[in-house]
Protein backbone atom coordinates (compact mmCIF):
# COMPACT_ATOMS: atom_id res chain seq x y z
CA UNK A 1 33.04 3.55 6.95
CA UNK A 2 30.17 5.14 8.72
CA UNK A 3 27.41 2.91 10.50
CA UNK A 4 23.67 3.85 9.97
CA UNK A 5 20.94 3.60 12.16
CA UNK A 6 18.54 0.99 11.85
CA UNK A 7 15.48 3.25 11.03
CA UNK A 8 17.70 5.61 9.08
CA UNK A 9 18.97 2.35 6.82
CA UNK A 10 15.35 1.22 6.43
CA UNK A 11 14.01 4.65 4.46
CA UNK A 12 17.04 5.05 2.44
CA UNK A 13 16.87 4.15 -1.00
CA UNK A 14 14.76 0.59 -2.40
CA UNK A 15 14.63 -0.48 1.51
CA UNK A 16 11.54 1.55 2.31
CA UNK A 17 9.32 0.64 -0.96
CA UNK A 18 9.99 -3.05 -0.32
CA UNK A 19 9.06 -2.48 3.40
CA UNK A 20 5.67 -0.59 2.50
CA UNK A 21 4.85 -2.95 -0.02
CA UNK A 22 5.30 -6.02 2.83
CA UNK A 23 3.42 -4.02 4.99
CA UNK A 24 0.68 -3.76 2.58
CA UNK A 25 0.54 -7.28 2.02
CA UNK A 26 0.60 -8.11 5.71
CA UNK A 27 -2.34 -5.55 6.50
CA UNK A 28 -4.32 -7.09 3.60
CA UNK A 29 -3.48 -10.65 5.16
CA UNK A 30 -4.31 -9.61 8.45
CA UNK A 31 -8.04 -8.36 7.11
CA UNK A 32 -8.54 -11.67 5.02
CA UNK A 33 -7.49 -13.55 8.24
CA UNK A 34 -10.23 -11.75 10.51
CA UNK A 35 -12.77 -12.15 7.58
CA UNK A 36 -11.95 -16.18 7.06
CA UNK A 37 -10.73 -17.44 10.83
CA UNK A 38 -12.63 -14.68 12.81
CA UNK A 39 -16.28 -15.08 10.82
CA UNK A 40 -16.25 -11.14 10.32
CA UNK A 41 -17.44 -10.16 7.28
CA UNK A 42 -16.42 -6.93 5.52
CA UNK A 43 -18.51 -4.23 5.06
CA UNK A 44 -18.42 -1.89 1.86
CA UNK A 45 -16.20 0.75 3.61
CA UNK A 46 -13.87 -2.43 4.92
CA UNK A 47 -13.64 -3.52 1.16
CA UNK A 48 -12.85 0.23 0.36
CA UNK A 49 -9.71 0.14 3.04
CA UNK A 50 -8.31 -2.56 1.54
CA UNK A 51 -8.39 -1.50 -2.39
CA UNK A 52 -5.83 1.27 -0.84
CA UNK A 53 -3.36 -1.46 -0.11
CA UNK A 54 -4.08 -3.30 -3.37
CA UNK A 55 -3.20 -0.26 -5.44
CA UNK A 56 -0.11 0.79 -3.12
CA UNK A 57 0.95 -2.99 -3.91
CA UNK A 58 0.65 -2.62 -7.62
CA UNK A 59 2.36 0.81 -7.46
CA UNK A 60 5.14 -0.21 -5.69
CA UNK A 61 5.68 -3.47 -7.83
CA UNK A 62 5.27 -1.11 -10.61
CA UNK A 63 7.86 1.59 -9.37
CA UNK A 64 10.61 -0.78 -8.44
CA UNK A 65 10.16 -2.58 -11.79
CA UNK A 66 10.89 0.89 -13.62
CA UNK A 67 13.48 1.85 -10.73
CA UNK A 68 15.37 -1.30 -12.07
CA UNK A 69 15.62 -0.10 -15.22
CA UNK A 70 16.26 3.33 -14.70
CA UNK A 71 17.92 3.60 -11.07
CA UNK A 72 17.63 7.32 -10.43
CA UNK A 73 17.44 9.07 -6.99
CA UNK A 74 14.80 11.56 -7.57
CA UNK A 75 12.60 8.34 -8.85
CA UNK A 76 13.21 6.51 -5.70
CA UNK A 77 12.17 10.11 -3.74
CA UNK A 78 8.90 10.34 -5.77
CA UNK A 79 8.18 6.82 -5.62
CA UNK A 80 8.10 7.40 -1.80
CA UNK A 81 6.20 10.31 -1.88
CA UNK A 82 3.81 8.51 -3.82
CA UNK A 83 3.63 5.64 -1.18
CA UNK A 84 3.13 8.36 1.29
CA UNK A 85 0.28 10.26 -0.92
CA UNK A 86 -1.43 6.64 -0.97
CA UNK A 87 -1.29 5.75 2.60
CA UNK A 88 -2.53 9.27 3.38
CA UNK A 89 -5.74 8.08 1.16
CA UNK A 90 -5.76 5.19 3.62
CA UNK A 91 -5.73 7.43 6.58
CA UNK A 92 -8.90 9.44 5.13
CA UNK A 93 -10.81 6.32 4.39
CA UNK A 94 -10.11 5.03 7.52
CA UNK A 95 -11.09 8.24 9.11
CA UNK A 96 -14.31 8.15 7.25
CA UNK A 97 -15.35 4.63 8.04
CA UNK A 98 -14.32 5.59 11.82
CA UNK A 99 -16.37 8.37 11.68
CA UNK A 100 -19.16 6.49 10.70
CA UNK A 101 -18.83 4.32 12.97
CA UNK A 102 -18.94 6.71 15.97
CA UNK A 103 -22.04 7.97 13.88
CA UNK A 104 -20.14 11.08 13.20
CA UNK A 105 -20.58 11.05 9.28
CA UNK A 106 -23.67 9.54 7.64
CA UNK A 107 -23.08 6.10 5.96
CA UNK A 108 -23.06 5.99 2.19
CA UNK A 109 -25.95 4.18 0.73
CA UNK A 110 -25.32 0.39 0.31
CA UNK A 111 -23.68 0.20 3.97
CA UNK A 112 -26.82 0.85 6.10
CA UNK A 113 -28.42 -2.75 4.66
CA UNK A 114 -27.38 -4.54 7.86
CA UNK A 115 -27.82 -7.88 9.20
CA UNK A 116 -24.26 -9.28 9.70
CA UNK A 117 -24.73 -12.15 7.39
CA UNK A 118 -21.48 -13.51 5.26
CA UNK A 119 -22.32 -12.54 1.59
CA UNK A 120 -19.04 -14.62 0.48
CA UNK A 121 -20.74 -17.75 2.22
CA UNK A 122 -23.46 -19.34 -0.30
CA UNK A 123 -26.63 -20.66 1.46
CA UNK A 124 -30.17 -20.92 0.41
CA UNK A 125 -29.94 -18.65 -2.75
CA UNK A 126 -33.82 -18.19 -2.41
CA UNK A 127 -33.00 -15.67 0.39
CA UNK A 128 -31.92 -12.35 0.51
CA UNK A 129 -28.48 -11.95 1.71
CA UNK A 130 -27.44 -9.08 3.30
CA UNK A 131 -24.24 -7.06 4.21
CA UNK A 132 -22.64 -6.08 7.56
CA UNK A 133 -23.70 -2.38 8.46
CA UNK A 134 -20.92 -0.08 8.32
CA UNK A 135 -21.94 1.73 11.24
CA UNK A 136 -21.25 -1.21 13.55
CA UNK A 137 -17.79 -1.84 14.71
CA UNK A 138 -17.36 -5.76 15.31
CA UNK A 139 -15.06 -4.75 18.45
CA UNK A 140 -13.25 -2.01 19.68
CA UNK A 141 -9.70 -2.46 21.24
CA UNK A 142 -8.09 0.29 23.48
CA UNK A 143 -11.07 2.54 22.23
CA UNK A 144 -10.37 2.06 18.45
CA UNK A 145 -11.97 -0.11 16.09
CA UNK A 146 -10.30 -1.80 13.19
CA UNK A 147 -11.00 0.84 10.94
CA UNK A 148 -9.63 3.51 13.57
CA UNK A 149 -6.20 0.97 14.14
CA UNK A 150 -5.83 0.76 10.21
CA UNK A 151 -6.09 4.79 10.08
CA UNK A 152 -3.17 4.76 12.53
CA UNK A 153 -1.20 2.28 10.86
CA UNK A 154 -2.02 4.51 7.62
CA UNK A 155 -0.66 7.55 9.17
CA UNK A 156 2.45 6.37 10.46
CA UNK A 157 3.50 4.38 7.31
CA UNK A 158 2.44 7.87 5.63
CA UNK A 159 4.86 10.07 7.68
CA UNK A 160 7.37 7.09 7.33
CA UNK A 161 7.09 7.28 3.55
CA UNK A 162 7.67 11.19 3.59
CA UNK A 163 10.73 10.85 5.86
CA UNK A 164 12.20 8.08 3.43
CA UNK A 165 11.35 10.76 0.98
CA UNK A 166 13.97 12.92 2.58
CA UNK A 167 16.53 10.32 3.78
CA UNK A 168 16.62 9.36 0.12
CA UNK A 169 17.01 13.01 -1.32
CA UNK A 170 19.98 13.32 0.99
CA UNK A 171 21.85 10.35 1.60
CA UNK A 172 21.27 8.25 -1.45
CA UNK A 173 23.97 7.31 -3.78
CA UNK A 174 23.04 5.60 -7.37
CA UNK A 175 25.75 4.29 -9.17
């Protein structure tokens, strides 16, 4: 019996979609943790980045459910490619947000009404509520903002998804 390395084993078959689903849930948990416990209210582009992970979770759960009914190798390959494409979408959204923060791109309408007040906390309802500006990163770590790090993570996950499609195509055997 041949022993597989950990990475090819992770990338083979149903394991990668489950890992991508878990990674997406953890990315959302981290974002909500920064919001809830760190007091960092999300701007509209931050929320857009989260939508990518929610879409990936819904698509992957649906795909794994269908795969349980029709366990075909080519379906898993297609699911891994689709997961990769969703992560590529995450790279594009995160890169745009980082570009807005670096003032390379203009912010979309609705992102420049600055203030820094958390719109999720109800205070005096007679006062106007403002949203955080999309072009003000709350902090930088190793030269990248949270949007930048989200883009890096999405890029790595996209590459692994496409690698998982190739590994699954070459090695996965259905019963």
